[in-house]
Amino acid sequence: MSEAENTTVVSNFIRQIINEDLESGKNGDRVVTRFPPEPNGYLHIGHAKSICLNFGLARDYKGVCHLRMDDTNPAKEEVEYMESIIEDVKWLGFDWKDKMFYASDYYDKLYEYALELIKMGKAFVCELDAEEMRKHRGSLKEPGKESPYRNRTVEENLALFEKMRAGEVDEGKMTLRAKIDMASPNVNMRDPVIYRVKKVTHERTGDKWCIYPMYDYAHPISDMMEGITHSICTLEFEDHRPLYDWCLDTLKTPCHPQQIEFARLNLYYTVMSKRKLLELVEKKYVDGWNDPRMPTISGIRRRGYPAAAVRNFCDRIGVGKKESWIDVGMLEECVREELNMTAPRVMGVIDPIKVVITNYSEGEKEILNCPYHPQDESFGDRPVPFGRELYIEREDFMEEPPKGYFRLRPGGEVRLRYAYYIKCEEVIKNDQGEIVELRCTYDPESKGGKSPDGRKVKGTIHWVYAPEAYQAEVRLYDRLFNVPLPDSSKDQDYKENLNPNSLKTLKNVMLEPSLRDAKAATAFQFERQGYFFVDSIDSKEKHPVFNRIVTLRDTWQKVQA
């Protein structure tokens, strides 16, 4: 857990529970947590909160956190998802060491426990189909109706369950249900299904099984088998806790982990439903699970979010019992704070316009030593060429500027970052009246941006030496949705709220020549423009592609004002 060692410890109700358990000697002073993802999709930023919580608790209490794949539904699971989960947890800076498990590790034991429930008269084989079962379940106001198969004998249930196990029953024809209470006010306790028939090959167990346990049954037993002390879940599992406890109490298992629920992460301007994220991928609204606009961990990693920023964000939002919504701007600010300390500064011109310095000798150039970080000398300097022809940002020049405009104008003077003062003498336009070039003069005595005569120049702009500029592809990523709650309306498809400007691809961006050699997965600050990341997939040697991570400040505050 080396990368995550310095996480700040902030008290919360879960830590209070653990502290009380340790003081009382419960669990033999052990703290064992687990992160149990379903490998049916890619993890998203909401899962990052759970990862940081579970692994962080284990770290801080000198315990251990298990990584366990809940692979109980082979029809929806893929090796690709399992591999991505492992990569995501490692990227966040956590290490489960030798504590990697799968729910399928316990299939034999889960089956034995199911037989035990049948023999105890606590489980029965039911032949109601899904629709009939739904009708029998009742509602929050009305009790459920018992299945006509509920009172089968133990012998009959054992024989039918064995037929299910042997593959002699078609999918949907039979299930094994726990026999609890059809009048329970908690719908989850109304004889829930604990096994169903699925004739699907499992990635790890092959065709050994054609019946698979349900999550609510496999989860508590898997926790128990691993000696988990604190089984931490999101709040939607609160109503499932009585079933968790019922399974362990009824089976009188050797230990009984404590399930504790916390509020999941809800983030404005995004969706985190796996079903909806899968739809975005399959219908090609985005370019795969790792599209930099996606809230998946692989997506934000490809965009360039630092793992430390994500951990810091998860610490800041805290852990509570009440559902709340967090502005994505808080996550972006954590990213800015981290990159401000770790990203070297360079110059890149997003929308270039050419500048010719008429009093600079043709064919000559000089090399300026420019710092990679103005506040941190340990970053060192880089050589930046300067000469007669440059590129500056088109928005850094105006023919008829408003009051308070301190950038370049006709007859006006600005400071070129790390270089000289220049003054605009002439504006060149094409036949359509568009500005194509600026003719300027420079003050050779103002090298380094300081004038010997003491005159003040308020404006400072960035630039790139034109003859050696690297013409790069730059992708300007923005929020995937243009409203805070894109899926809140029952009358509107959430996809109607997709932001049409969430990606702009620019192929004429001019960068410092050294950036041609930028390595994949490296972050930079383009001065005055934002933070950018070398795409780890589409970049090639000598041809890096840059993704904008975040702007230098939250421009959405102005948009929403």
Protein backbone atom coordinates (compact mmCIF):
# COMPACT_ATOMS: atom_id res chain seq x y z
CA MET A 1 0.00 0.00 0.00
CA SER A 2 2.95 2.28 -0.45
CA GLU A 3 1.23 4.91 -2.60
CA ALA A 4 -1.69 5.18 -0.18
CA GLU A 5 0.33 5.37 3.04
CA ASN A 6 -0.14 9.08 3.69
CA THR A 7 -3.92 9.19 3.58
CA THR A 8 -5.26 11.44 6.36
CA VAL A 9 -7.32 9.59 8.98
CA VAL A 10 -10.74 11.20 9.48
CA SER A 11 -13.11 9.81 12.11
CA ASN A 12 -16.52 8.49 11.07
CA PHE A 13 -19.24 6.22 12.47
CA ILE A 14 -17.60 3.08 11.04
CA ARG A 15 -14.32 3.88 12.77
CA GLN A 16 -16.25 4.46 15.99
CA ILE A 17 -17.78 0.98 15.70
CA ILE A 18 -14.37 -0.58 15.06
CA ASN A 19 -12.85 1.36 17.97
CA GLU A 20 -15.56 0.04 20.31
CA ASP A 21 -15.02 -3.51 19.03
CA LEU A 22 -11.30 -3.27 19.66
CA GLU A 23 -11.82 -1.84 23.15
CA SER A 24 -14.18 -4.71 24.05
CA GLY A 25 -11.89 -7.37 22.58
CA LYS A 26 -14.46 -8.42 20.02
CA ASN A 27 -13.06 -10.39 17.05
CA GLY A 28 -9.84 -11.03 18.97
CA ASP A 29 -8.58 -7.54 18.17
CA ARG A 30 -8.68 -8.34 14.45
CA VAL A 31 -9.87 -6.02 11.70
CA VAL A 32 -10.56 -7.80 8.43
CA THR A 33 -12.49 -6.04 5.66
CA ARG A 34 -13.15 -6.92 2.05
CA PHE A 35 -13.95 -5.31 -1.28
CA PRO A 36 -16.32 -7.69 -3.15
CA PRO A 37 -17.05 -6.36 -6.66
CA GLU A 38 -19.24 -8.16 -9.18
CA PRO A 39 -17.17 -8.72 -12.36
CA ASN A 40 -20.05 -7.71 -14.65
CA GLY A 41 -18.71 -4.32 -15.66
CA TYR A 42 -15.95 -1.83 -15.05
CA LEU A 43 -15.57 -0.14 -11.67
CA HIS A 44 -16.54 3.53 -11.42
CA ILE A 45 -15.73 6.44 -9.12
CA GLY A 46 -18.41 5.27 -6.67
CA HIS A 47 -16.52 2.00 -6.24
CA ALA A 48 -13.36 4.04 -5.58
CA LYS A 49 -14.99 5.33 -2.38
CA SER A 50 -15.64 1.78 -1.23
CA ILE A 51 -12.13 0.66 -2.20
CA CYS A 52 -10.51 3.53 -0.31
CA LEU A 53 -12.76 2.93 2.70
CA ASN A 54 -12.21 -0.83 3.00
CA PHE A 55 -8.50 -0.85 2.25
CA GLY A 56 -7.98 2.35 4.25
CA LEU A 57 -9.60 0.87 7.37
CA ALA A 58 -7.46 -2.25 7.10
CA ARG A 59 -4.34 -0.12 6.68
CA ASP A 60 -5.07 2.22 9.58
CA TYR A 61 -6.01 -0.56 12.00
CA LYS A 62 -3.10 -2.76 10.90
CA GLY A 63 -5.54 -5.33 9.62
CA VAL A 64 -6.06 -6.83 6.20
CA CYS A 65 -8.48 -6.21 3.32
CA HIS A 66 -9.46 -9.00 0.96
CA LEU A 67 -10.27 -8.57 -2.72
CA ARG A 68 -13.06 -10.99 -3.58
CA MET A 69 -14.75 -11.35 -6.95
CA ASP A 70 -18.45 -12.02 -6.48
CA ASP A 71 -18.58 -14.32 -9.50
CA THR A 72 -22.01 -15.84 -8.85
CA ASN A 73 -23.61 -14.95 -12.19
CA PRO A 74 -21.48 -16.32 -15.05
CA ALA A 75 -24.03 -15.17 -17.63
CA LYS A 76 -22.92 -11.56 -17.12
CA GLU A 77 -19.30 -11.94 -16.03
CA GLU A 78 -16.17 -11.68 -18.14
CA VAL A 79 -12.45 -12.10 -17.57
CA GLU A 80 -12.00 -8.61 -19.03
CA TYR A 81 -13.97 -7.18 -16.12
CA MET A 82 -11.99 -9.16 -13.54
CA GLU A 83 -8.70 -7.98 -15.01
CA SER A 84 -9.87 -4.37 -15.06
CA ILE A 85 -10.95 -4.58 -11.40
CA ILE A 86 -7.54 -5.87 -10.36
CA GLU A 87 -5.82 -3.12 -12.34
CA ASP A 88 -8.08 -0.42 -10.88
CA VAL A 89 -7.49 -1.39 -7.26
CA LYS A 90 -3.74 -1.55 -7.83
CA TRP A 91 -3.78 1.84 -9.57
CA LEU A 92 -5.51 3.41 -6.57
CA GLY A 93 -2.47 2.33 -4.54
CA PHE A 94 -3.77 -0.67 -2.59
CA ASP A 95 -2.44 -4.20 -2.24
CA TRP A 96 -4.36 -7.26 -1.05
CA LYS A 97 -1.15 -9.33 -1.07
CA ASP A 98 -2.18 -13.03 -0.89
CA LYS A 99 -5.83 -12.26 0.01
CA MET A 100 -7.39 -12.63 -3.44
CA PHE A 101 -10.56 -14.71 -3.37
CA TYR A 102 -13.59 -15.61 -5.49
CA ALA A 103 -17.11 -16.48 -4.39
CA SER A 104 -16.70 -19.53 -6.64
CA ASP A 105 -14.00 -20.72 -4.22
CA TYR A 106 -16.85 -21.56 -1.87
CA TYR A 107 -19.34 -23.21 -4.24
CA ASP A 108 -18.95 -26.64 -2.62
CA LYS A 109 -19.44 -25.22 0.87
CA LEU A 110 -22.35 -23.04 -0.23
CA TYR A 111 -24.02 -26.12 -1.67
CA GLU A 112 -23.45 -28.06 1.57
CA TYR A 113 -24.97 -25.24 3.59
CA ALA A 114 -27.97 -25.19 1.25
CA LEU A 115 -28.49 -28.93 1.89
CA GLU A 116 -28.27 -28.19 5.60
CA LEU A 117 -30.99 -25.52 5.32
CA ILE A 118 -33.22 -28.00 3.50
CA LYS A 119 -32.66 -30.65 6.17
CA MET A 120 -33.51 -28.06 8.85
CA GLY A 121 -36.76 -27.30 7.07
CA LYS A 122 -35.48 -23.81 6.32
CA ALA A 123 -35.36 -24.05 2.51
CA PHE A 124 -37.58 -25.52 -0.18
CA VAL A 125 -37.63 -26.03 -3.94
CA CYS A 126 -40.21 -23.78 -5.59
CA GLU A 127 -41.68 -24.13 -9.08
CA LEU A 128 -43.23 -20.68 -9.36
CA ASP A 129 -41.85 -18.74 -12.29
CA ALA A 130 -40.53 -15.20 -11.89
CA GLU A 131 -43.86 -13.50 -12.64
CA GLU A 132 -45.83 -15.79 -10.32
CA MET A 133 -43.26 -15.27 -7.59
CA ARG A 134 -43.57 -11.52 -7.98
CA LYS A 135 -47.36 -11.74 -7.54
CA HIS A 136 -46.97 -13.90 -4.44
CA ARG A 137 -44.45 -11.52 -2.86
CA GLY A 138 -47.04 -8.89 -1.93
CA SER A 139 -46.19 -5.22 -1.39
CA LEU A 140 -44.97 -2.87 1.30
CA LYS A 141 -48.58 -2.57 2.49
CA GLU A 142 -49.74 -6.16 1.96
CA PRO A 143 -48.17 -9.41 3.17
CA GLY A 144 -47.03 -11.99 0.67
CA LYS A 145 -48.73 -15.25 -0.18
CA GLU A 146 -47.04 -18.55 0.53
CA SER A 147 -45.89 -20.65 -2.40
CA PRO A 148 -47.96 -23.81 -2.98
CA TYR A 149 -44.63 -25.68 -2.89
CA ARG A 150 -43.56 -24.28 0.47
CA ASN A 151 -44.53 -27.30 2.57
CA ARG A 152 -42.84 -30.04 0.63
CA THR A 153 -41.12 -32.66 2.72
CA VAL A 154 -37.40 -32.52 3.38
CA GLU A 155 -36.93 -35.67 1.29
CA GLU A 156 -38.80 -34.21 -1.67
CA ASN A 157 -36.83 -30.96 -1.50
CA LEU A 158 -33.51 -32.82 -1.31
CA ALA A 159 -34.46 -34.94 -4.35
CA LEU A 160 -35.58 -31.91 -6.40
CA PHE A 161 -32.52 -29.88 -5.44
CA GLU A 162 -30.34 -32.76 -6.55
CA LYS A 163 -32.18 -32.78 -9.90
CA MET A 164 -31.43 -29.07 -10.22
CA ARG A 165 -27.80 -29.81 -9.37
CA ALA A 166 -27.63 -32.62 -11.93
CA GLY A 167 -28.83 -30.41 -14.77
CA GLU A 168 -32.19 -32.15 -15.12
CA VAL A 169 -34.20 -28.94 -14.65
CA ASP A 170 -34.51 -26.17 -17.23
CA GLU A 171 -33.68 -22.58 -16.37
CA GLY A 172 -36.56 -20.75 -14.72
CA LYS A 173 -38.43 -23.93 -13.81
CA MET A 174 -37.22 -24.30 -10.25
CA THR A 175 -35.45 -22.28 -7.58
CA LEU A 176 -34.34 -22.98 -4.04
CA ARG A 177 -35.89 -20.51 -1.63
CA ALA A 178 -35.21 -19.83 2.02
CA LYS A 179 -38.28 -20.48 4.20
CA ILE A 180 -38.53 -17.41 6.41
CA ASP A 181 -41.72 -15.29 6.64
CA MET A 182 -44.04 -14.25 3.82
CA ALA A 183 -45.69 -11.73 6.18
CA SER A 184 -42.44 -9.98 7.07
CA PRO A 185 -42.55 -6.19 6.72
CA ASN A 186 -39.14 -6.54 5.04
CA VAL A 187 -39.82 -7.82 1.52
CA ASN A 188 -36.30 -9.28 1.37
CA MET A 189 -37.29 -11.78 4.07
CA ARG A 190 -40.30 -13.15 2.19
CA ASP A 191 -38.83 -16.50 1.26
CA PRO A 192 -36.02 -15.14 -0.94
CA VAL A 193 -34.44 -17.21 -3.71
CA ILE A 194 -31.00 -18.50 -2.71
CA TYR A 195 -30.23 -20.73 -5.73
CA ARG A 196 -31.29 -20.67 -9.36
CA VAL A 197 -30.61 -22.78 -12.43
CA LYS A 198 -28.21 -21.26 -14.97
CA LYS A 199 -26.80 -23.57 -17.61
CA VAL A 200 -23.81 -21.37 -18.33
CA THR A 201 -20.15 -22.30 -18.31
CA HIS A 202 -18.32 -20.59 -15.48
CA GLU A 203 -14.90 -19.09 -16.20
CA ARG A 204 -13.30 -20.74 -13.17
CA THR A 205 -15.44 -23.83 -12.47
CA GLY A 206 -16.29 -24.76 -16.04
CA ASP A 207 -19.42 -26.93 -16.30
CA LYS A 208 -19.19 -28.39 -12.82
CA TRP A 209 -22.20 -26.36 -11.74
CA CYS A 210 -25.49 -25.48 -13.40
CA ILE A 211 -26.98 -23.97 -10.24
CA TYR A 212 -25.55 -20.77 -8.84
CA PRO A 213 -26.11 -19.05 -5.48
CA MET A 214 -27.73 -15.64 -5.21
CA TYR A 215 -25.63 -12.77 -3.89
CA ASP A 216 -27.64 -12.34 -0.67
CA TYR A 217 -26.92 -15.97 0.21
CA ALA A 218 -23.32 -16.23 -1.01
CA HIS A 219 -22.25 -12.90 0.49
CA PRO A 220 -22.62 -13.62 4.24
CA ILE A 221 -21.23 -17.14 3.94
CA SER A 222 -18.25 -15.96 1.89
CA ASP A 223 -17.58 -13.29 4.53
CA MET A 224 -17.80 -15.92 7.24
CA MET A 225 -15.49 -18.33 5.39
CA GLU A 226 -12.84 -15.62 5.15
CA GLY A 227 -13.16 -14.46 8.75
CA ILE A 228 -14.28 -10.97 7.81
CA THR A 229 -14.93 -8.86 10.91
CA HIS A 230 -16.61 -5.82 9.38
CA SER A 231 -18.58 -6.32 6.16
CA ILE A 232 -19.00 -2.79 4.85
CA CYS A 233 -21.70 -2.23 2.22
CA THR A 234 -23.48 0.70 0.63
CA LEU A 235 -26.79 1.86 2.03
CA GLU A 236 -29.00 -0.01 -0.44
CA PHE A 237 -28.01 -3.22 1.37
CA GLU A 238 -29.40 -2.03 4.71
CA ASP A 239 -32.71 -3.81 4.09
CA HIS A 240 -30.75 -6.93 3.15
CA ARG A 241 -28.93 -7.08 6.50
CA PRO A 242 -31.66 -9.14 8.24
CA LEU A 243 -31.20 -11.81 5.55
CA TYR A 244 -27.41 -11.61 5.98
CA ASP A 245 -27.85 -12.23 9.70
CA TRP A 246 -30.53 -14.90 9.18
CA CYS A 247 -28.22 -17.00 7.01
CA LEU A 248 -25.41 -16.95 9.58
CA ASP A 249 -27.65 -17.33 12.63
CA THR A 250 -29.68 -20.16 11.15
CA LEU A 251 -26.62 -22.09 10.05
CA LYS A 252 -24.87 -21.34 13.37
CA THR A 253 -21.64 -20.56 11.56
CA PRO A 254 -18.31 -20.41 13.47
CA CYS A 255 -18.18 -16.62 13.21
CA HIS A 256 -20.63 -13.87 12.40
CA PRO A 257 -19.25 -10.82 10.55
CA GLN A 258 -21.00 -7.51 11.20
CA GLN A 259 -22.56 -5.84 8.18
CA ILE A 260 -22.31 -2.04 8.29
CA GLU A 261 -23.86 0.23 5.66
CA PHE A 262 -22.70 3.65 4.50
CA ALA A 263 -24.05 6.12 1.95
CA ARG A 264 -22.74 5.53 -1.54
CA LEU A 265 -21.20 8.27 -3.65
CA ASN A 266 -23.67 10.23 -5.75
CA LEU A 267 -21.95 12.60 -8.16
CA TYR A 268 -23.57 15.42 -10.11
CA TYR A 269 -23.17 15.51 -13.92
CA THR A 270 -22.75 11.77 -14.25
CA VAL A 271 -24.52 8.42 -14.07
CA MET A 272 -23.14 5.44 -12.20
CA SER A 273 -25.66 2.75 -12.99
CA LYS A 274 -23.78 -0.19 -14.54
CA ARG A 275 -26.73 -0.79 -16.83
CA LYS A 276 -26.61 2.76 -18.15
CA LEU A 277 -22.83 2.80 -18.45
CA LEU A 278 -23.02 -0.45 -20.41
CA GLU A 279 -25.66 1.12 -22.69
CA LEU A 280 -23.39 4.10 -23.35
CA VAL A 281 -20.61 1.70 -24.33
CA GLU A 282 -22.65 -0.74 -26.41
CA LYS A 283 -24.52 1.97 -28.31
CA LYS A 284 -21.24 3.86 -28.88
CA TYR A 285 -22.18 7.10 -27.20
CA VAL A 286 -18.65 6.81 -25.81
CA ASP A 287 -15.51 5.10 -27.02
CA GLY A 288 -15.52 2.14 -24.63
CA TRP A 289 -15.40 1.67 -20.87
CA ASN A 290 -12.12 3.60 -20.69
CA ASP A 291 -13.36 6.63 -22.59
CA PRO A 292 -11.90 9.61 -20.67
CA ARG A 293 -15.41 11.06 -20.27
CA MET A 294 -16.67 7.99 -18.44
CA PRO A 295 -16.84 7.92 -14.61
CA THR A 296 -15.15 4.52 -14.65
CA ILE A 297 -11.83 4.24 -12.86
CA SER A 298 -10.20 3.15 -16.11
CA GLY A 299 -11.74 6.19 -17.83
CA ILE A 300 -10.50 8.74 -15.33
CA ARG A 301 -7.10 7.03 -15.29
CA ARG A 302 -6.85 7.35 -19.06
CA ARG A 303 -7.95 10.97 -18.84
CA GLY A 304 -5.09 11.63 -16.45
CA TYR A 305 -6.63 11.90 -13.00
CA PRO A 306 -3.90 11.06 -10.45
CA ALA A 307 -4.69 8.21 -8.07
CA ALA A 308 -3.67 10.42 -5.12
CA ALA A 309 -6.30 12.98 -6.14
CA VAL A 310 -9.01 10.31 -6.18
CA ARG A 311 -7.95 9.06 -2.74
CA ASN A 312 -7.94 12.62 -1.43
CA PHE A 313 -11.41 13.20 -2.87
CA CYS A 314 -12.75 10.06 -1.18
CA ASP A 315 -11.29 11.24 2.12
CA ARG A 316 -12.79 14.72 1.76
CA ILE A 317 -16.34 13.63 1.04
CA GLY A 318 -16.30 11.51 4.18
CA VAL A 319 -18.41 8.53 5.22
CA GLY A 320 -21.98 8.94 6.45
CA LYS A 321 -25.35 7.21 6.71
CA LYS A 322 -27.35 9.84 4.83
CA GLU A 323 -27.56 9.93 1.04
CA SER A 324 -26.07 13.12 -0.40
CA TRP A 325 -24.89 14.52 -3.70
CA ILE A 326 -21.37 15.75 -4.37
CA ASP A 327 -20.48 18.27 -7.06
CA VAL A 328 -18.05 16.82 -9.57
CA GLY A 329 -16.24 20.15 -9.24
CA MET A 330 -14.89 18.91 -5.89
CA LEU A 331 -13.27 15.94 -7.61
CA GLU A 332 -11.86 18.22 -10.30
CA GLU A 333 -10.44 20.55 -7.66
CA CYS A 334 -8.67 17.63 -5.96
CA VAL A 335 -7.18 16.79 -9.36
CA ARG A 336 -5.97 20.39 -9.81
CA GLU A 337 -4.41 20.46 -6.36
CA GLU A 338 -2.45 17.26 -6.99
CA LEU A 339 -1.34 18.21 -10.49
CA ASN A 340 -0.32 21.67 -9.33
CA MET A 341 2.34 19.95 -7.22
CA THR A 342 3.33 17.17 -9.63
CA ALA A 343 2.86 18.33 -13.24
CA PRO A 344 5.72 20.16 -15.05
CA ARG A 345 4.80 23.37 -16.90
CA VAL A 346 5.17 23.69 -20.64
CA MET A 347 3.73 25.95 -23.35
CA GLY A 348 1.18 24.90 -25.90
CA VAL A 349 -0.94 27.03 -28.22
CA ILE A 350 -4.43 25.59 -28.67
CA ASP A 351 -5.74 27.94 -31.37
CA PRO A 352 -2.62 29.34 -33.08
CA ILE A 353 -2.11 32.56 -34.94
CA LYS A 354 1.30 33.36 -36.41
CA VAL A 355 3.50 36.20 -35.15
CA VAL A 356 6.48 37.48 -37.10
CA ILE A 357 9.00 39.57 -35.15
CA THR A 358 10.23 41.83 -37.90
CA ASN A 359 13.32 43.16 -36.11
CA TYR A 360 14.59 39.68 -35.18
CA SER A 361 17.17 38.34 -37.64
CA GLU A 362 15.95 35.73 -40.10
CA GLY A 363 17.44 32.28 -39.70
CA GLU A 364 18.58 32.91 -36.13
CA LYS A 365 17.24 31.45 -32.93
CA GLU A 366 18.24 31.33 -29.30
CA ILE A 367 17.62 28.84 -26.51
CA LEU A 368 15.93 30.03 -23.36
CA ASN A 369 16.19 28.08 -20.09
CA CYS A 370 12.67 27.94 -18.72
CA PRO A 371 11.68 26.33 -15.39
CA TYR A 372 9.45 23.28 -15.42
CA HIS A 373 7.80 24.51 -12.23
CA PRO A 374 7.93 28.13 -11.02
CA GLN A 375 7.51 27.16 -7.34
CA ASP A 376 9.65 24.01 -7.25
CA GLU A 377 13.27 24.16 -8.39
CA SER A 378 13.62 20.37 -8.12
CA PHE A 379 11.76 20.05 -11.43
CA GLY A 380 14.71 21.72 -13.16
CA ASP A 381 14.73 23.69 -16.42
CA ARG A 382 14.05 22.85 -20.03
CA PRO A 383 15.49 24.42 -23.19
CA VAL A 384 12.91 26.33 -25.26
CA PRO A 385 13.83 27.74 -28.71
CA PHE A 386 12.94 31.33 -29.58
CA GLY A 387 13.20 33.13 -32.89
CA ARG A 388 11.60 35.33 -35.52
CA GLU A 389 8.40 33.33 -36.10
CA LEU A 390 6.13 32.30 -33.26
CA TYR A 391 2.61 31.12 -32.54
CA ILE A 392 0.39 32.72 -29.92
CA GLU A 393 -3.24 32.05 -28.95
CA ARG A 394 -5.76 33.67 -31.26
CA GLU A 395 -7.72 34.86 -28.23
CA ASP A 396 -4.61 36.69 -26.97
CA PHE A 397 -5.05 39.33 -29.68
CA MET A 398 -7.96 41.71 -30.28
CA GLU A 399 -8.18 44.53 -32.82
CA GLU A 400 -10.75 46.45 -30.77
CA PRO A 401 -10.31 45.25 -27.22
CA PRO A 402 -12.68 46.20 -24.38
CA LYS A 403 -11.57 48.10 -21.33
CA GLY A 404 -9.41 45.98 -19.05
CA TYR A 405 -7.99 43.85 -21.86
CA PHE A 406 -4.26 43.51 -21.20
CA ARG A 407 -3.19 41.17 -23.97
CA LEU A 408 -1.92 42.03 -27.43
CA ARG A 409 -3.63 44.77 -29.48
CA PRO A 410 -2.59 47.01 -32.39
CA GLY A 411 0.12 49.31 -31.05
CA GLY A 412 0.03 47.49 -27.74
CA GLU A 413 2.79 45.70 -25.89
CA VAL A 414 2.82 42.39 -23.99
CA ARG A 415 5.36 40.20 -22.31
CA LEU A 416 6.13 36.82 -23.86
CA ARG A 417 6.50 34.27 -21.07
CA TYR A 418 10.22 33.77 -20.22
CA ALA A 419 11.22 35.79 -23.32
CA TYR A 420 10.81 39.44 -24.40
CA TYR A 421 8.37 42.31 -24.71
CA ILE A 422 6.74 42.49 -28.12
CA LYS A 423 4.64 45.25 -29.72
CA CYS A 424 2.07 44.72 -32.47
CA GLU A 425 2.84 46.90 -35.48
CA GLU A 426 0.69 45.43 -38.26
CA VAL A 427 -2.25 43.07 -38.73
CA ILE A 428 -2.31 40.85 -41.86
CA LYS A 429 -5.68 39.56 -43.12
CA ASN A 430 -6.74 37.25 -45.92
CA ASP A 431 -9.34 38.01 -48.62
CA GLN A 432 -12.13 37.01 -46.25
CA GLY A 433 -11.02 39.56 -43.69
CA GLU A 434 -9.68 36.94 -41.29
CA ILE A 435 -6.52 37.68 -39.33
CA VAL A 436 -3.76 35.31 -40.47
CA GLU A 437 -0.60 36.96 -39.15
CA LEU A 438 0.63 39.63 -36.77
CA ARG A 439 3.76 41.67 -37.46
CA CYS A 440 5.50 42.71 -34.27
CA THR A 441 8.74 44.13 -32.98
CA TYR A 442 10.56 43.03 -29.85
CA ASP A 443 12.67 44.81 -27.29
CA PRO A 444 16.00 42.98 -27.19
CA GLU A 445 16.76 44.59 -23.82
CA SER A 446 13.74 42.96 -22.16
CA LYS A 447 15.05 39.39 -22.12
CA GLY A 448 13.47 37.34 -19.39
CA GLY A 449 10.44 39.63 -19.40
CA LYS A 450 12.13 42.53 -17.62
CA SER A 451 12.71 45.93 -19.16
CA PRO A 452 15.81 47.93 -18.17
CA ASP A 453 13.88 51.21 -18.36
CA GLY A 454 11.39 50.07 -15.74
CA ARG A 455 8.25 50.36 -17.85
CA LYS A 456 5.33 48.20 -16.80
CA VAL A 457 3.60 45.71 -19.07
CA LYS A 458 0.53 44.10 -17.53
CA GLY A 459 -0.11 41.30 -20.01
CA THR A 460 1.89 38.07 -20.20
CA ILE A 461 1.08 35.48 -22.86
CA HIS A 462 2.51 32.11 -23.82
CA TRP A 463 3.93 31.21 -27.21
CA VAL A 464 5.70 28.50 -29.24
CA TYR A 465 8.61 28.83 -31.68
CA ALA A 466 6.93 28.15 -35.05
CA PRO A 467 9.71 26.41 -37.08
CA GLU A 468 10.15 23.68 -34.46
CA ALA A 469 6.65 23.47 -33.00
CA TYR A 470 5.12 20.02 -32.62
CA GLN A 471 1.73 20.01 -34.33
CA ALA A 472 -0.23 17.72 -32.05
CA GLU A 473 -3.65 16.19 -31.66
CA VAL A 474 -5.29 17.44 -28.49
CA ARG A 475 -8.62 16.24 -27.13
CA LEU A 476 -10.57 18.70 -25.03
CA TYR A 477 -12.69 16.55 -22.72
CA ASP A 478 -15.52 17.98 -20.69
CA ARG A 479 -18.34 16.62 -18.56
CA LEU A 480 -20.33 13.88 -20.25
CA PHE A 481 -23.70 15.38 -19.24
CA ASN A 482 -24.81 19.01 -19.27
CA VAL A 483 -27.24 18.88 -16.34
CA PRO A 484 -26.50 18.02 -12.69
CA LEU A 485 -28.98 15.09 -12.50
CA PRO A 486 -29.07 13.52 -15.96
CA ASP A 487 -31.17 10.49 -14.99
CA SER A 488 -33.53 12.04 -12.42
CA SER A 489 -36.60 12.38 -14.66
CA LYS A 490 -38.93 9.46 -15.39
CA ASP A 491 -40.28 11.37 -18.39
CA GLN A 492 -36.93 11.94 -20.07
CA ASP A 493 -34.29 9.58 -21.38
CA TYR A 494 -31.04 10.32 -19.56
CA LYS A 495 -29.20 10.21 -22.91
CA GLU A 496 -31.02 13.38 -23.96
CA ASN A 497 -28.83 15.17 -21.40
CA LEU A 498 -25.55 14.12 -22.98
CA ASN A 499 -23.25 17.10 -23.44
CA PRO A 500 -22.69 17.60 -27.21
CA ASN A 501 -19.44 19.41 -26.39
CA SER A 502 -18.00 16.73 -24.13
CA LEU A 503 -15.23 16.10 -26.66
CA LYS A 504 -13.55 18.44 -29.12
CA THR A 505 -10.63 17.04 -31.10
CA LEU A 506 -8.09 19.59 -32.29
CA LYS A 507 -5.38 18.59 -34.76
CA ASN A 508 -3.61 21.92 -35.20
CA VAL A 509 -2.34 22.55 -31.69
CA MET A 510 1.24 23.84 -31.54
CA LEU A 511 3.42 22.63 -28.68
CA GLU A 512 6.97 23.05 -27.48
CA PRO A 513 9.18 20.77 -29.61
CA SER A 514 10.28 18.71 -26.60
CA LEU A 515 6.73 17.41 -26.20
CA ARG A 516 7.15 15.31 -29.32
CA ASP A 517 9.10 12.94 -27.04
CA ALA A 518 6.54 13.00 -24.20
CA LYS A 519 6.00 9.54 -22.73
CA ALA A 520 2.60 7.92 -22.43
CA ALA A 521 0.73 8.45 -19.16
CA THR A 522 2.62 11.67 -18.37
CA ALA A 523 0.84 14.81 -17.17
CA PHE A 524 1.75 18.42 -17.99
CA GLN A 525 0.32 21.83 -17.36
CA PHE A 526 -0.03 23.80 -20.58
CA GLU A 527 0.46 27.25 -19.11
CA ARG A 528 -2.76 29.28 -18.98
CA GLN A 529 -4.67 26.41 -20.63
CA GLY A 530 -5.07 23.54 -18.22
CA TYR A 531 -3.64 20.13 -17.38
CA PHE A 532 -3.05 17.60 -20.14
CA PHE A 533 -2.15 13.92 -20.20
CA VAL A 534 -0.44 11.83 -22.83
CA ASP A 535 -3.04 9.26 -23.91
CA SER A 536 -1.85 5.78 -23.01
CA ILE A 537 -3.65 4.04 -25.89
CA ASP A 538 -3.62 6.25 -28.99
CA SER A 539 -0.18 7.82 -28.57
CA LYS A 540 2.72 6.53 -30.66
CA GLU A 541 6.44 7.11 -30.37
CA LYS A 542 7.23 10.67 -31.45
CA HIS A 543 3.49 11.26 -31.91
CA PRO A 544 1.86 11.68 -28.49
CA VAL A 545 -1.84 12.51 -28.26
CA PHE A 546 -2.86 14.79 -25.39
CA ASN A 547 -6.06 14.60 -23.34
CA ARG A 548 -7.18 17.60 -21.36
CA ILE A 549 -7.56 16.46 -17.76
CA VAL A 550 -9.08 19.63 -16.29
CA THR A 551 -9.03 23.34 -16.93
CA LEU A 552 -7.03 25.54 -14.55
CA ARG A 553 -10.20 26.67 -12.81
CA ASP A 554 -13.81 25.51 -12.65
CA THR A 555 -15.38 27.09 -15.72
CA TRP A 556 -18.69 25.33 -15.00
CA GLN A 557 -19.33 27.67 -12.08
CA LYS A 558 -19.63 30.49 -14.63
CA VAL A 559 -21.77 28.37 -16.95
CA GLN A 560 -24.26 27.56 -14.20
CA ALA A 561 -24.29 31.08 -12.69
